[in-house]
PDB file of N, CA and C in Angstrom:
ATOM      1  N   MET A   1      63.862  20.758 -68.557  1.00  0.00           N
ATOM      2  CA  MET A   1      62.632  20.537 -69.269  1.00  0.00           C
ATOM      3  C   MET A   1      62.746  19.198 -69.994  1.00  0.00           C
ATOM      4  N   ARG A   2      61.714  18.377 -69.880  1.00  0.00           N
ATOM      5  CA  ARG A   2      61.674  17.050 -70.493  1.00  0.00           C
ATOM      6  C   ARG A   2      61.108  17.212 -71.925  1.00  0.00           C
ATOM      7  N   ARG A   3      61.345  16.203 -72.701  1.00  0.00           N
ATOM      8  CA  ARG A   3      60.794  16.182 -74.080  1.00  0.00           C
ATOM      9  C   ARG A   3      59.296  16.162 -73.948  1.00  0.00           C
ATOM     10  N   HIS A   4      58.629  16.847 -74.848  1.00  0.00           N
ATOM     11  CA  HIS A   4      57.151  16.908 -74.968  1.00  0.00           C
ATOM     12  C   HIS A   4      56.541  17.789 -73.867  1.00  0.00           C
ATOM     13  N   GLU A   5      57.351  18.589 -73.144  1.00  0.00           N
ATOM     14  CA  GLU A   5      56.787  19.472 -72.161  1.00  0.00           C
ATOM     15  C   GLU A   5      56.998  20.923 -72.572  1.00  0.00           C
ATOM     16  N   LEU A   6      56.256  21.784 -71.961  1.00  0.00           N
ATOM     17  CA  LEU A   6      56.227  23.222 -72.270  1.00  0.00           C
ATOM     18  C   LEU A   6      57.549  23.959 -71.852  1.00  0.00           C
ATOM     19  N   SER A   7      57.999  24.804 -72.744  1.00  0.00           N
ATOM     20  CA  SER A   7      59.136  25.652 -72.374  1.00  0.00           C
ATOM     21  C   SER A   7      58.606  26.766 -71.524  1.00  0.00           C
ATOM     22  N   ASP A   8      59.458  27.519 -70.838  1.00  0.00           N
ATOM     23  CA  ASP A   8      59.043  28.627 -69.987  1.00  0.00           C
ATOM     24  C   ASP A   8      58.343  29.692 -70.868  1.00  0.00           C
ATOM     25  N   GLU A   9      58.802  29.895 -72.042  1.00  0.00           N
ATOM     26  CA  GLU A   9      58.256  30.883 -72.986  1.00  0.00           C
ATOM     27  C   GLU A   9      56.824  30.473 -73.360  1.00  0.00           C
ATOM     28  N   GLN A  10      56.596  29.166 -73.729  1.00  0.00           N
ATOM     29  CA  GLN A  10      55.266  28.717 -74.044  1.00  0.00           C
ATOM     30  C   GLN A  10      54.339  28.802 -72.819  1.00  0.00           C
ATOM     31  N   TRP A  11      54.840  28.459 -71.632  1.00  0.00           N
ATOM     32  CA  TRP A  11      54.032  28.540 -70.445  1.00  0.00           C
ATOM     33  C   TRP A  11      53.550  29.928 -70.150  1.00  0.00           C
ATOM     34  N   ALA A  12      54.418  30.919 -70.387  1.00  0.00           N
ATOM     35  CA  ALA A  12      54.050  32.301 -70.150  1.00  0.00           C
ATOM     36  C   ALA A  12      52.929  32.716 -71.079  1.00  0.00           C
ATOM     37  N   LYS A  13      52.857  32.200 -72.292  1.00  0.00           N
ATOM     38  CA  LYS A  13      51.785  32.543 -73.213  1.00  0.00           C
ATOM     39  C   LYS A  13      50.483  31.877 -72.789  1.00  0.00           C
ATOM     40  N   ILE A  14      50.630  30.631 -72.292  1.00  0.00           N
ATOM     41  CA  ILE A  14      49.430  29.839 -72.001  1.00  0.00           C
ATOM     42  C   ILE A  14      48.827  30.097 -70.661  1.00  0.00           C
ATOM     43  N   GLU A  15      49.642  30.461 -69.682  1.00  0.00           N
ATOM     44  CA  GLU A  15      49.169  30.649 -68.308  1.00  0.00           C
ATOM     45  C   GLU A  15      47.955  31.531 -68.163  1.00  0.00           C
ATOM     46  N   LYS A  16      47.903  32.632 -68.970  1.00  0.00           N
ATOM     47  CA  LYS A  16      46.771  33.546 -68.866  1.00  0.00           C
ATOM     48  C   LYS A  16      45.505  33.016 -69.552  1.00  0.00           C
ATOM     49  N   LEU A  17      45.623  31.910 -70.281  1.00  0.00           N
ATOM     50  CA  LEU A  17      44.458  31.353 -71.016  1.00  0.00           C
ATOM     51  C   LEU A  17      43.756  30.226 -70.198  1.00  0.00           C
ATOM     52  N   ILE A  18      44.275  29.915 -69.060  1.00  0.00           N
ATOM     53  CA  ILE A  18      43.730  28.784 -68.277  1.00  0.00           C
ATOM     54  C   ILE A  18      42.319  29.189 -67.733  1.00  0.00           C
ATOM     55  N   PRO A  19      41.319  28.350 -67.971  1.00  0.00           N
ATOM     56  CA  PRO A  19      39.965  28.678 -67.459  1.00  0.00           C
ATOM     57  C   PRO A  19      39.893  28.808 -65.944  1.00  0.00           C
ATOM     58  N   GLU A  20      39.042  29.649 -65.473  1.00  0.00           N
ATOM     59  CA  GLU A  20      38.836  29.825 -64.050  1.00  0.00           C
ATOM     60  C   GLU A  20      38.252  28.541 -63.461  1.00  0.00           C
ATOM     61  N   ARG A  21      38.630  28.258 -62.185  1.00  0.00           N
ATOM     62  CA  ARG A  21      38.079  27.065 -61.568  1.00  0.00           C
ATOM     63  C   ARG A  21      36.642  27.273 -61.184  1.00  0.00           C
ATOM     64  N   ARG A  22      35.923  26.172 -61.192  1.00  0.00           N
ATOM     65  CA  ARG A  22      34.506  26.218 -60.745  1.00  0.00           C
ATOM     66  C   ARG A  22      34.500  26.504 -59.253  1.00  0.00           C
ATOM     67  N   THR A  23      33.436  27.102 -58.796  1.00  0.00           N
ATOM     68  CA  THR A  23      33.317  27.397 -57.349  1.00  0.00           C
ATOM     69  C   THR A  23      33.316  26.041 -56.567  1.00  0.00           C
ATOM     70  N   GLY A  24      34.153  25.955 -55.555  1.00  0.00           N
ATOM     71  CA  GLY A  24      34.212  24.757 -54.740  1.00  0.00           C
ATOM     72  C   GLY A  24      35.112  23.671 -55.309  1.00  0.00           C
ATOM     73  N   GLY A  25      35.627  23.899 -56.489  1.00  0.00           N
ATOM     74  CA  GLY A  25      36.555  22.864 -57.072  1.00  0.00           C
ATOM     75  C   GLY A  25      37.877  22.836 -56.374  1.00  0.00           C
ATOM     76  N   ARG A  26      38.461  21.634 -56.304  1.00  0.00           N
ATOM     77  CA  ARG A  26      39.783  21.509 -55.618  1.00  0.00           C
ATOM     78  C   ARG A  26      40.890  21.897 -56.621  1.00  0.00           C
ATOM     79  N   PRO A  27      41.938  22.529 -56.088  1.00  0.00           N
ATOM     80  CA  PRO A  27      43.053  22.829 -56.934  1.00  0.00           C
ATOM     81  C   PRO A  27      43.762  21.541 -57.386  1.00  0.00           C
ATOM     82  N   SER A  28      44.405  21.617 -58.551  1.00  0.00           N
ATOM     83  CA  SER A  28      45.072  20.448 -59.118  1.00  0.00           C
ATOM     84  C   SER A  28      46.286  20.096 -58.229  1.00  0.00           C
ATOM     85  N   ALA A  29      46.467  18.837 -57.909  1.00  0.00           N
ATOM     86  CA  ALA A  29      47.552  18.392 -57.058  1.00  0.00           C
ATOM     87  C   ALA A  29      48.891  18.674 -57.706  1.00  0.00           C
ATOM     88  N   GLY A  30      48.997  18.474 -59.042  1.00  0.00           N
ATOM     89  CA  GLY A  30      50.238  18.663 -59.723  1.00  0.00           C
ATOM     90  C   GLY A  30      50.405  20.054 -60.316  1.00  0.00           C
ATOM     91  N   GLY A  31      49.388  20.860 -60.284  1.00  0.00           N
ATOM     92  CA  GLY A  31      49.452  22.216 -60.814  1.00  0.00           C
ATOM     93  C   GLY A  31      49.018  22.275 -62.266  1.00  0.00           C
ATOM     94  N   ASP A  32      48.683  23.456 -62.677  1.00  0.00           N
ATOM     95  CA  ASP A  32      48.146  23.657 -64.030  1.00  0.00           C
ATOM     96  C   ASP A  32      49.179  23.316 -65.096  1.00  0.00           C
ATOM     97  N   ARG A  33      50.475  23.684 -64.865  1.00  0.00           N
ATOM     98  CA  ARG A  33      51.477  23.449 -65.880  1.00  0.00           C
ATOM     99  C   ARG A  33      51.668  21.938 -66.096  1.00  0.00           C
ATOM    100  N   ASN A  34      51.690  21.161 -64.962  1.00  0.00           N
ATOM    101  CA  ASN A  34      51.833  19.729 -65.057  1.00  0.00           C
ATOM    102  C   ASN A  34      50.667  19.133 -65.846  1.00  0.00           C
ATOM    103  N   PHE A  35      49.461  19.604 -65.600  1.00  0.00           N
ATOM    104  CA  PHE A  35      48.279  19.164 -66.310  1.00  0.00           C
ATOM    105  C   PHE A  35      48.424  19.406 -67.826  1.00  0.00           C
ATOM    106  N   ILE A  36      48.804  20.646 -68.172  1.00  0.00           N
ATOM    107  CA  ILE A  36      48.938  20.970 -69.596  1.00  0.00           C
ATOM    108  C   ILE A  36      50.055  20.104 -70.245  1.00  0.00           C
ATOM    109  N   ASN A  37      51.174  19.898 -69.496  1.00  0.00           N
ATOM    110  CA  ASN A  37      52.208  19.024 -70.002  1.00  0.00           C
ATOM    111  C   ASN A  37      51.683  17.594 -70.225  1.00  0.00           C
ATOM    112  N   ALA A  38      50.799  17.145 -69.399  1.00  0.00           N
ATOM    113  CA  ALA A  38      50.256  15.801 -69.561  1.00  0.00           C
ATOM    114  C   ALA A  38      49.408  15.705 -70.851  1.00  0.00           C
ATOM    115  N   VAL A  39      48.599  16.703 -71.082  1.00  0.00           N
ATOM    116  CA  VAL A  39      47.773  16.796 -72.291  1.00  0.00           C
ATOM    117  C   VAL A  39      48.678  16.864 -73.544  1.00  0.00           C
ATOM    118  N   PHE A  40      49.681  17.693 -73.453  1.00  0.00           N
ATOM    119  CA  PHE A  40      50.618  17.797 -74.592  1.00  0.00           C
ATOM    120  C   PHE A  40      51.356  16.497 -74.858  1.00  0.00           C
ATOM    121  N   TRP A  41      51.690  15.800 -73.792  1.00  0.00           N
ATOM    122  CA  TRP A  41      52.351  14.507 -73.934  1.00  0.00           C
ATOM    123  C   TRP A  41      51.467  13.496 -74.682  1.00  0.00           C
ATOM    124  N   ILE A  42      50.198  13.460 -74.308  1.00  0.00           N
ATOM    125  CA  ILE A  42      49.250  12.627 -75.027  1.00  0.00           C
ATOM    126  C   ILE A  42      49.082  13.081 -76.484  1.00  0.00           C
ATOM    127  N   ALA A  43      48.958  14.360 -76.716  1.00  0.00           N
ATOM    128  CA  ALA A  43      48.813  14.862 -78.045  1.00  0.00           C
ATOM    129  C   ALA A  43      50.003  14.602 -78.936  1.00  0.00           C
ATOM    130  N   LYS A  44      51.193  14.689 -78.419  1.00  0.00           N
ATOM    131  CA  LYS A  44      52.379  14.502 -79.221  1.00  0.00           C
ATOM    132  C   LYS A  44      52.737  13.033 -79.401  1.00  0.00           C
ATOM    133  N   THR A  45      52.457  12.196 -78.453  1.00  0.00           N
ATOM    134  CA  THR A  45      52.862  10.768 -78.535  1.00  0.00           C
ATOM    135  C   THR A  45      51.796   9.916 -79.176  1.00  0.00           C
ATOM    136  N   GLY A  46      50.567  10.385 -79.061  1.00  0.00           N
ATOM    137  CA  GLY A  46      49.411   9.551 -79.555  1.00  0.00           C
ATOM    138  C   GLY A  46      49.117   8.367 -78.720  1.00  0.00           C
ATOM    139  N   ALA A  47      49.641   8.315 -77.513  1.00  0.00           N
ATOM    140  CA  ALA A  47      49.380   7.166 -76.629  1.00  0.00           C
ATOM    141  C   ALA A  47      48.034   7.272 -76.068  1.00  0.00           C
ATOM    142  N   PRO A  48      47.489   6.122 -75.611  1.00  0.00           N
ATOM    143  CA  PRO A  48      46.179   6.064 -74.898  1.00  0.00           C
ATOM    144  C   PRO A  48      46.310   6.800 -73.546  1.00  0.00           C
ATOM    145  N   TRP A  49      45.222   7.286 -73.042  1.00  0.00           N
ATOM    146  CA  TRP A  49      45.218   7.977 -71.733  1.00  0.00           C
ATOM    147  C   TRP A  49      45.796   7.094 -70.647  1.00  0.00           C
ATOM    148  N   ARG A  50      45.475   5.815 -70.684  1.00  0.00           N
ATOM    149  CA  ARG A  50      45.943   4.923 -69.604  1.00  0.00           C
ATOM    150  C   ARG A  50      47.483   4.733 -69.629  1.00  0.00           C
ATOM    151  N   ASP A  51      48.162   5.106 -70.671  1.00  0.00           N
ATOM    152  CA  ASP A  51      49.625   5.025 -70.730  1.00  0.00           C
ATOM    153  C   ASP A  51      50.292   6.292 -70.318  1.00  0.00           C
ATOM    154  N   LEU A  52      49.555   7.243 -69.788  1.00  0.00           N
ATOM    155  CA  LEU A  52      50.151   8.473 -69.346  1.00  0.00           C
ATOM    156  C   LEU A  52      51.136   8.180 -68.195  1.00  0.00           C
ATOM    157  N   PRO A  53      52.374   8.733 -68.271  1.00  0.00           N
ATOM    158  CA  PRO A  53      53.359   8.439 -67.219  1.00  0.00           C
ATOM    159  C   PRO A  53      52.855   8.950 -65.840  1.00  0.00           C
ATOM    160  N   GLU A  54      53.229   8.200 -64.835  1.00  0.00           N
ATOM    161  CA  GLU A  54      52.691   8.452 -63.463  1.00  0.00           C
ATOM    162  C   GLU A  54      53.105   9.821 -62.910  1.00  0.00           C
ATOM    163  N   ARG A  55      54.200  10.378 -63.488  1.00  0.00           N
ATOM    164  CA  ARG A  55      54.661  11.724 -62.960  1.00  0.00           C
ATOM    165  C   ARG A  55      53.644  12.810 -63.179  1.00  0.00           C
ATOM    166  N   PHE A  56      52.681  12.592 -64.108  1.00  0.00           N
ATOM    167  CA  PHE A  56      51.593  13.548 -64.358  1.00  0.00           C
ATOM    168  C   PHE A  56      50.403  13.385 -63.399  1.00  0.00           C
ATOM    169  N   GLY A  57      50.324  12.273 -62.720  1.00  0.00           N
ATOM    170  CA  GLY A  57      49.178  12.002 -61.854  1.00  0.00           C
ATOM    171  C   GLY A  57      48.277  10.999 -62.402  1.00  0.00           C
ATOM    172  N   PRO A  58      47.118  10.688 -61.789  1.00  0.00           N
ATOM    173  CA  PRO A  58      46.211   9.665 -62.282  1.00  0.00           C
ATOM    174  C   PRO A  58      45.693  10.039 -63.672  1.00  0.00           C
ATOM    175  N   TRP A  59      45.745   9.085 -64.600  1.00  0.00           N
ATOM    176  CA  TRP A  59      45.305   9.351 -65.948  1.00  0.00           C
ATOM    177  C   TRP A  59      43.864   9.732 -66.001  1.00  0.00           C
ATOM    178  N   LYS A  60      43.014   9.158 -65.182  1.00  0.00           N
ATOM    179  CA  LYS A  60      41.586   9.420 -65.211  1.00  0.00           C
ATOM    180  C   LYS A  60      41.265  10.838 -64.781  1.00  0.00           C
ATOM    181  N   THR A  61      41.996  11.341 -63.818  1.00  0.00           N
ATOM    182  CA  THR A  61      41.866  12.693 -63.331  1.00  0.00           C
ATOM    183  C   THR A  61      42.253  13.671 -64.410  1.00  0.00           C
ATOM    184  N   ILE A  62      43.398  13.410 -65.060  1.00  0.00           N
ATOM    185  CA  ILE A  62      43.853  14.245 -66.146  1.00  0.00           C
ATOM    186  C   ILE A  62      42.821  14.251 -67.279  1.00  0.00           C
ATOM    187  N   TYR A  63      42.303  13.063 -67.642  1.00  0.00           N
ATOM    188  CA  TYR A  63      41.356  12.941 -68.714  1.00  0.00           C
ATOM    189  C   TYR A  63      40.068  13.710 -68.401  1.00  0.00           C
ATOM    190  N   ASN A  64      39.547  13.549 -67.189  1.00  0.00           N
ATOM    191  CA  ASN A  64      38.322  14.258 -66.813  1.00  0.00           C
ATOM    192  C   ASN A  64      38.470  15.780 -66.922  1.00  0.00           C
ATOM    193  N   ARG A  65      39.569  16.314 -66.461  1.00  0.00           N
ATOM    194  CA  ARG A  65      39.824  17.711 -66.540  1.00  0.00           C
ATOM    195  C   ARG A  65      39.929  18.175 -68.006  1.00  0.00           C
ATOM    196  N   PHE A  66      40.677  17.362 -68.801  1.00  0.00           N
ATOM    197  CA  PHE A  66      40.788  17.629 -70.222  1.00  0.00           C
ATOM    198  C   PHE A  66      39.439  17.695 -70.887  1.00  0.00           C
ATOM    199  N   HIS A  67      38.605  16.716 -70.552  1.00  0.00           N
ATOM    200  CA  HIS A  67      37.209  16.672 -71.145  1.00  0.00           C
ATOM    201  C   HIS A  67      36.400  17.920 -70.724  1.00  0.00           C
ATOM    202  N   ARG A  68      36.446  18.345 -69.475  1.00  0.00           N
ATOM    203  CA  ARG A  68      35.747  19.547 -69.019  1.00  0.00           C
ATOM    204  C   ARG A  68      36.260  20.767 -69.787  1.00  0.00           C
ATOM    205  N   TRP A  69      37.534  20.893 -70.007  1.00  0.00           N
ATOM    206  CA  TRP A  69      38.067  22.061 -70.754  1.00  0.00           C
ATOM    207  C   TRP A  69      37.664  21.975 -72.177  1.00  0.00           C
ATOM    208  N   ALA A  70      37.584  20.760 -72.762  1.00  0.00           N
ATOM    209  CA  ALA A  70      37.158  20.630 -74.142  1.00  0.00           C
ATOM    210  C   ALA A  70      35.717  21.116 -74.297  1.00  0.00           C
ATOM    211  N   LYS A  71      34.870  20.805 -73.350  1.00  0.00           N
ATOM    212  CA  LYS A  71      33.453  21.221 -73.477  1.00  0.00           C
ATOM    213  C   LYS A  71      33.326  22.771 -73.433  1.00  0.00           C
ATOM    214  N   CYS A  72      34.304  23.457 -72.766  1.00  0.00           N
ATOM    215  CA  CYS A  72      34.174  24.904 -72.730  1.00  0.00           C
ATOM    216  C   CYS A  72      35.094  25.586 -73.776  1.00  0.00           C
ATOM    217  N   ASP A  73      35.593  24.797 -74.772  1.00  0.00           N
ATOM    218  CA  ASP A  73      36.406  25.328 -75.865  1.00  0.00           C
ATOM    219  C   ASP A  73      37.705  25.997 -75.400  1.00  0.00           C
ATOM    220  N   ALA A  74      38.352  25.517 -74.342  1.00  0.00           N
ATOM    221  CA  ALA A  74      39.535  26.157 -73.875  1.00  0.00           C
ATOM    222  C   ALA A  74      40.787  25.757 -74.716  1.00  0.00           C
ATOM    223  N   TRP A  75      40.786  24.558 -75.312  1.00  0.00           N
ATOM    224  CA  TRP A  75      41.968  24.052 -75.933  1.00  0.00           C
ATOM    225  C   TRP A  75      42.393  24.740 -77.179  1.00  0.00           C
ATOM    226  N   GLN A  76      41.471  25.236 -77.974  1.00  0.00           N
ATOM    227  CA  GLN A  76      41.862  25.877 -79.244  1.00  0.00           C
ATOM    228  C   GLN A  76      42.822  27.011 -79.001  1.00  0.00           C
ATOM    229  N   ASP A  77      42.554  27.940 -78.096  1.00  0.00           N
ATOM    230  CA  ASP A  77      43.404  29.044 -77.816  1.00  0.00           C
ATOM    231  C   ASP A  77      44.754  28.637 -77.217  1.00  0.00           C
ATOM    232  N   ILE A  78      44.680  27.574 -76.345  1.00  0.00           N
ATOM    233  CA  ILE A  78      45.887  27.086 -75.680  1.00  0.00           C
ATOM    234  C   ILE A  78      46.820  26.485 -76.710  1.00  0.00           C
ATOM    235  N   PHE A  79      46.315  25.598 -77.568  1.00  0.00           N
ATOM    236  CA  PHE A  79      47.175  24.966 -78.555  1.00  0.00           C
ATOM    237  C   PHE A  79      47.713  26.002 -79.558  1.00  0.00           C
ATOM    238  N   ARG A  80      46.909  26.984 -79.887  1.00  0.00           N
ATOM    239  CA  ARG A  80      47.375  28.048 -80.778  1.00  0.00           C
ATOM    240  C   ARG A  80      48.504  28.850 -80.127  1.00  0.00           C
ATOM    241  N   ALA A  81      48.395  29.168 -78.867  1.00  0.00           N
ATOM    242  CA  ALA A  81      49.383  29.911 -78.172  1.00  0.00           C
ATOM    243  C   ALA A  81      50.730  29.145 -78.052  1.00  0.00           C
ATOM    244  N   ALA A  82      50.619  27.813 -77.923  1.00  0.00           N
ATOM    245  CA  ALA A  82      51.834  26.999 -77.717  1.00  0.00           C
ATOM    246  C   ALA A  82      52.421  26.562 -79.047  1.00  0.00           C
ATOM    247  N   ALA A  83      51.788  26.826 -80.153  1.00  0.00           N
ATOM    248  CA  ALA A  83      52.271  26.411 -81.473  1.00  0.00           C
ATOM    249  C   ALA A  83      53.631  27.002 -81.830  1.00  0.00           C
ATOM    250  N   VAL A  84      54.403  26.239 -82.542  1.00  0.00           N
ATOM    251  CA  VAL A  84      55.698  26.714 -82.998  1.00  0.00           C
ATOM    252  C   VAL A  84      55.473  27.394 -84.318  1.00  0.00           C
ATOM    253  N   SER A  85      56.103  28.522 -84.573  1.00  0.00           N
ATOM    254  CA  SER A  85      55.915  29.214 -85.815  1.00  0.00           C
ATOM    255  C   SER A  85      56.564  28.496 -86.983  1.00  0.00           C
ATOM    256  N   ASP A  86      56.168  28.763 -88.193  1.00  0.00           N
ATOM    257  CA  ASP A  86      56.683  28.071 -89.360  1.00  0.00           C
ATOM    258  C   ASP A  86      58.184  28.290 -89.480  1.00  0.00           C
ATOM    259  N   ALA A  87      58.662  29.411 -89.018  1.00  0.00           N
ATOM    260  CA  ALA A  87      60.130  29.753 -89.147  1.00  0.00           C
ATOM    261  C   ALA A  87      60.936  28.822 -88.297  1.00  0.00           C
ATOM    262  N   ASP A  88      60.330  28.253 -87.224  1.00  0.00           N
ATOM    263  CA  ASP A  88      61.080  27.377 -86.295  1.00  0.00           C
ATOM    264  C   ASP A  88      61.015  25.906 -86.601  1.00  0.00           C
ATOM    265  N   THR A  89      60.385  25.527 -87.682  1.00  0.00           N
ATOM    266  CA  THR A  89      60.223  24.112 -87.973  1.00  0.00           C
ATOM    267  C   THR A  89      61.044  23.696 -89.143  1.00  0.00           C
ATOM    268  N   ALA A  90      61.234  22.378 -89.293  1.00  0.00           N
ATOM    269  CA  ALA A  90      61.889  21.807 -90.415  1.00  0.00           C
ATOM    270  C   ALA A  90      61.146  20.534 -90.766  1.00  0.00           C
ATOM    271  N   GLY A  91      61.319  20.023 -91.921  1.00  0.00           N
ATOM    272  CA  GLY A  91      60.644  18.810 -92.299  1.00  0.00           C
ATOM    273  C   GLY A  91      61.622  17.677 -92.526  1.00  0.00           C
ATOM    274  N   ILE A  92      61.206  16.486 -92.249  1.00  0.00           N
ATOM    275  CA  ILE A  92      62.001  15.292 -92.422  1.00  0.00           C
ATOM    276  C   ILE A  92      61.164  14.299 -93.220  1.00  0.00           C
ATOM    277  N   LEU A  93      61.730  13.772 -94.270  1.00  0.00           N
ATOM    278  CA  LEU A  93      61.032  12.776 -95.106  1.00  0.00           C
ATOM    279  C   LEU A  93      61.719  11.467 -94.945  1.00  0.00           C
ATOM    280  N   ASP A  94      61.031  10.489 -94.500  1.00  0.00           N
ATOM    281  CA  ASP A  94      61.542   9.123 -94.354  1.00  0.00           C
ATOM    282  C   ASP A  94      61.031   8.336 -95.472  1.00  0.00           C
ATOM    283  N   SER A  95      61.908   7.669 -96.221  1.00  0.00           N
ATOM    284  CA  SER A  95      61.517   6.942 -97.416  1.00  0.00           C
ATOM    285  C   SER A  95      60.574   5.756 -97.111  1.00  0.00           C
ATOM    286  N   THR A  96      60.562   5.309 -95.868  1.00  0.00           N
ATOM    287  CA  THR A  96      59.684   4.204 -95.564  1.00  0.00           C
ATOM    288  C   THR A  96      58.227   4.564 -95.657  1.00  0.00           C
ATOM    289  N   ILE A  97      57.920   5.841 -95.672  1.00  0.00           N
ATOM    290  CA  ILE A  97      56.510   6.234 -95.770  1.00  0.00           C
ATOM    291  C   ILE A  97      56.035   6.473 -97.187  1.00  0.00           C
ATOM    292  N   VAL A  98      57.021   6.431 -98.118  1.00  0.00           N
ATOM    293  CA  VAL A  98      56.674   6.668 -99.519  1.00  0.00           C
ATOM    294  C   VAL A  98      56.331   5.336-100.139  1.00  0.00           C
ATOM    295  N   ARG A  99      55.092   5.158-100.543  1.00  0.00           N
ATOM    296  CA  ARG A  99      54.687   3.899-101.105  1.00  0.00           C
ATOM    297  C   ARG A  99      54.737   3.961-102.626  1.00  0.00           C
ATOM    298  N   ALA A 100      55.078   2.821-103.229  1.00  0.00           N
ATOM    299  CA  ALA A 100      55.059   2.735-104.708  1.00  0.00           C
ATOM    300  C   ALA A 100      54.287   1.510-105.099  1.00  0.00           C
ATOM    301  N   HIS A 101      53.553   1.607-106.168  1.00  0.00           N
ATOM    302  CA  HIS A 101      52.850   0.451-106.658  1.00  0.00           C
ATOM    303  C   HIS A 101      53.845  -0.665-107.096  1.00  0.00           C
ATOM    304  N   GLN A 102      53.398  -1.877-106.998  1.00  0.00           N
ATOM    305  CA  GLN A 102      54.279  -3.020-107.316  1.00  0.00           C
ATOM    306  C   GLN A 102      54.838  -2.909-108.723  1.00  0.00           C
ATOM    307  N   ASP A 103      54.060  -2.314-109.634  1.00  0.00           N
ATOM    308  CA  ASP A 103      54.550  -2.211-111.055  1.00  0.00           C
ATOM    309  C   ASP A 103      55.530  -1.078-111.253  1.00  0.00           C
ATOM    310  N   ALA A 104      55.728  -0.267-110.202  1.00  0.00           N
ATOM    311  CA  ALA A 104      56.630   0.864-110.370  1.00  0.00           C
ATOM    312  C   ALA A 104      58.082   0.444-110.472  1.00  0.00           C
ATOM    313  N   SER A 105      58.440  -0.794-110.114  1.00  0.00           N
ATOM    314  CA  SER A 105      59.800  -1.269-110.148  1.00  0.00           C
ATOM    315  C   SER A 105      60.173  -1.929-111.490  1.00  0.00           C
ATOM    316  N   GLY A 106      59.385  -1.796-112.489  1.00  0.00           N
ATOM    317  CA  GLY A 106      59.752  -2.338-113.760  1.00  0.00           C
ATOM    318  C   GLY A 106      58.605  -3.206-114.370  1.00  0.00           C
ATOM    319  N   GLY A 107      57.638  -3.541-113.563  1.00  0.00           N
ATOM    320  CA  GLY A 107      56.534  -4.311-114.111  1.00  0.00           C
ATOM    321  C   GLY A 107      56.843  -5.768-114.332  1.00  0.00           C
ATOM    322  N   ARG A 108      56.014  -6.468-115.039  1.00  0.00           N
ATOM    323  CA  ARG A 108      56.154  -7.893-115.288  1.00  0.00           C
ATOM    324  C   ARG A 108      57.427  -8.213-116.043  1.00  0.00           C
ATOM    325  N   GLY A 109      58.129  -9.217-115.546  1.00  0.00           N
ATOM    326  CA  GLY A 109      59.300  -9.634-116.236  1.00  0.00           C
ATOM    327  C   GLY A 109      60.557  -8.850-115.804  1.00  0.00           C
ATOM    328  N   GLY A 110      60.473  -7.905-114.962  1.00  0.00           N
ATOM    329  CA  GLY A 110      61.621  -7.115-114.538  1.00  0.00           C
ATOM    330  C   GLY A 110      61.968  -5.994-115.515  1.00  0.00           C
ATOM    331  N   PRO A 111      63.060  -5.352-115.245  1.00  0.00           N
ATOM    332  CA  PRO A 111      63.412  -4.209-116.140  1.00  0.00           C
ATOM    333  C   PRO A 111      63.792  -4.647-117.539  1.00  0.00           C
ATOM    334  N   LYS A 112      63.522  -3.849-118.514  1.00  0.00           N
ATOM    335  CA  LYS A 112      63.797  -4.162-119.882  1.00  0.00           C
ATOM    336  C   LYS A 112      65.314  -3.940-120.174  1.00  0.00           C
ATOM    337  N   LYS A 113      65.894  -4.878-120.873  1.00  0.00           N
ATOM    338  CA  LYS A 113      67.331  -4.774-121.229  1.00  0.00           C
ATOM    339  C   LYS A 113      67.417  -3.942-122.487  1.00  0.00           C
ATOM    340  N   THR A 114      68.425  -3.061-122.465  1.00  0.00           N
ATOM    341  CA  THR A 114      68.698  -2.288-123.688  1.00  0.00           C
ATOM    342  C   THR A 114      70.033  -2.726-124.283  1.00  0.00           C
ATOM    343  N   LYS A 115      70.148  -2.556-125.563  1.00  0.00           N
ATOM    344  CA  LYS A 115      71.393  -3.028-126.239  1.00  0.00           C
ATOM    345  C   LYS A 115      72.407  -1.879-126.319  1.00  0.00           C
TER     346      LYS A 115
END
C-alpha cells in the first residue's frame, strides 16, 4: 500500500457505498478502488487535479467522475467511512506555524536590563 491510499480495512467499509453505474456507462479502466485512491490523494496532498500521478489514469477522467459523484452526494458517506477515529490520531505542532507579533520579543529597544 502506498502513502495516501486506502488500507484493505478502509476499502472494505467504502466498497459498499460506491454509487451504482449509470445505464450504458463504461466501467472504470483502473477500477473503483484506484479512483477512490486518486481522490484521496488529491484531498490529502492539496495538489491541483492536473498534478495527479499518471498511475491513477487521466486526471480529467478522474475529475469528471469525482464531480458526478459530488452532485449525487456520494462523498460525505465515503469520507466518513474512511475517517480515522480520534483514538488513532496524534497531533504535531511545528513552531514555524506559531506567529508572534514583532513586539512580543521585547518591544522597542530590546529587552529591559535588570540589576
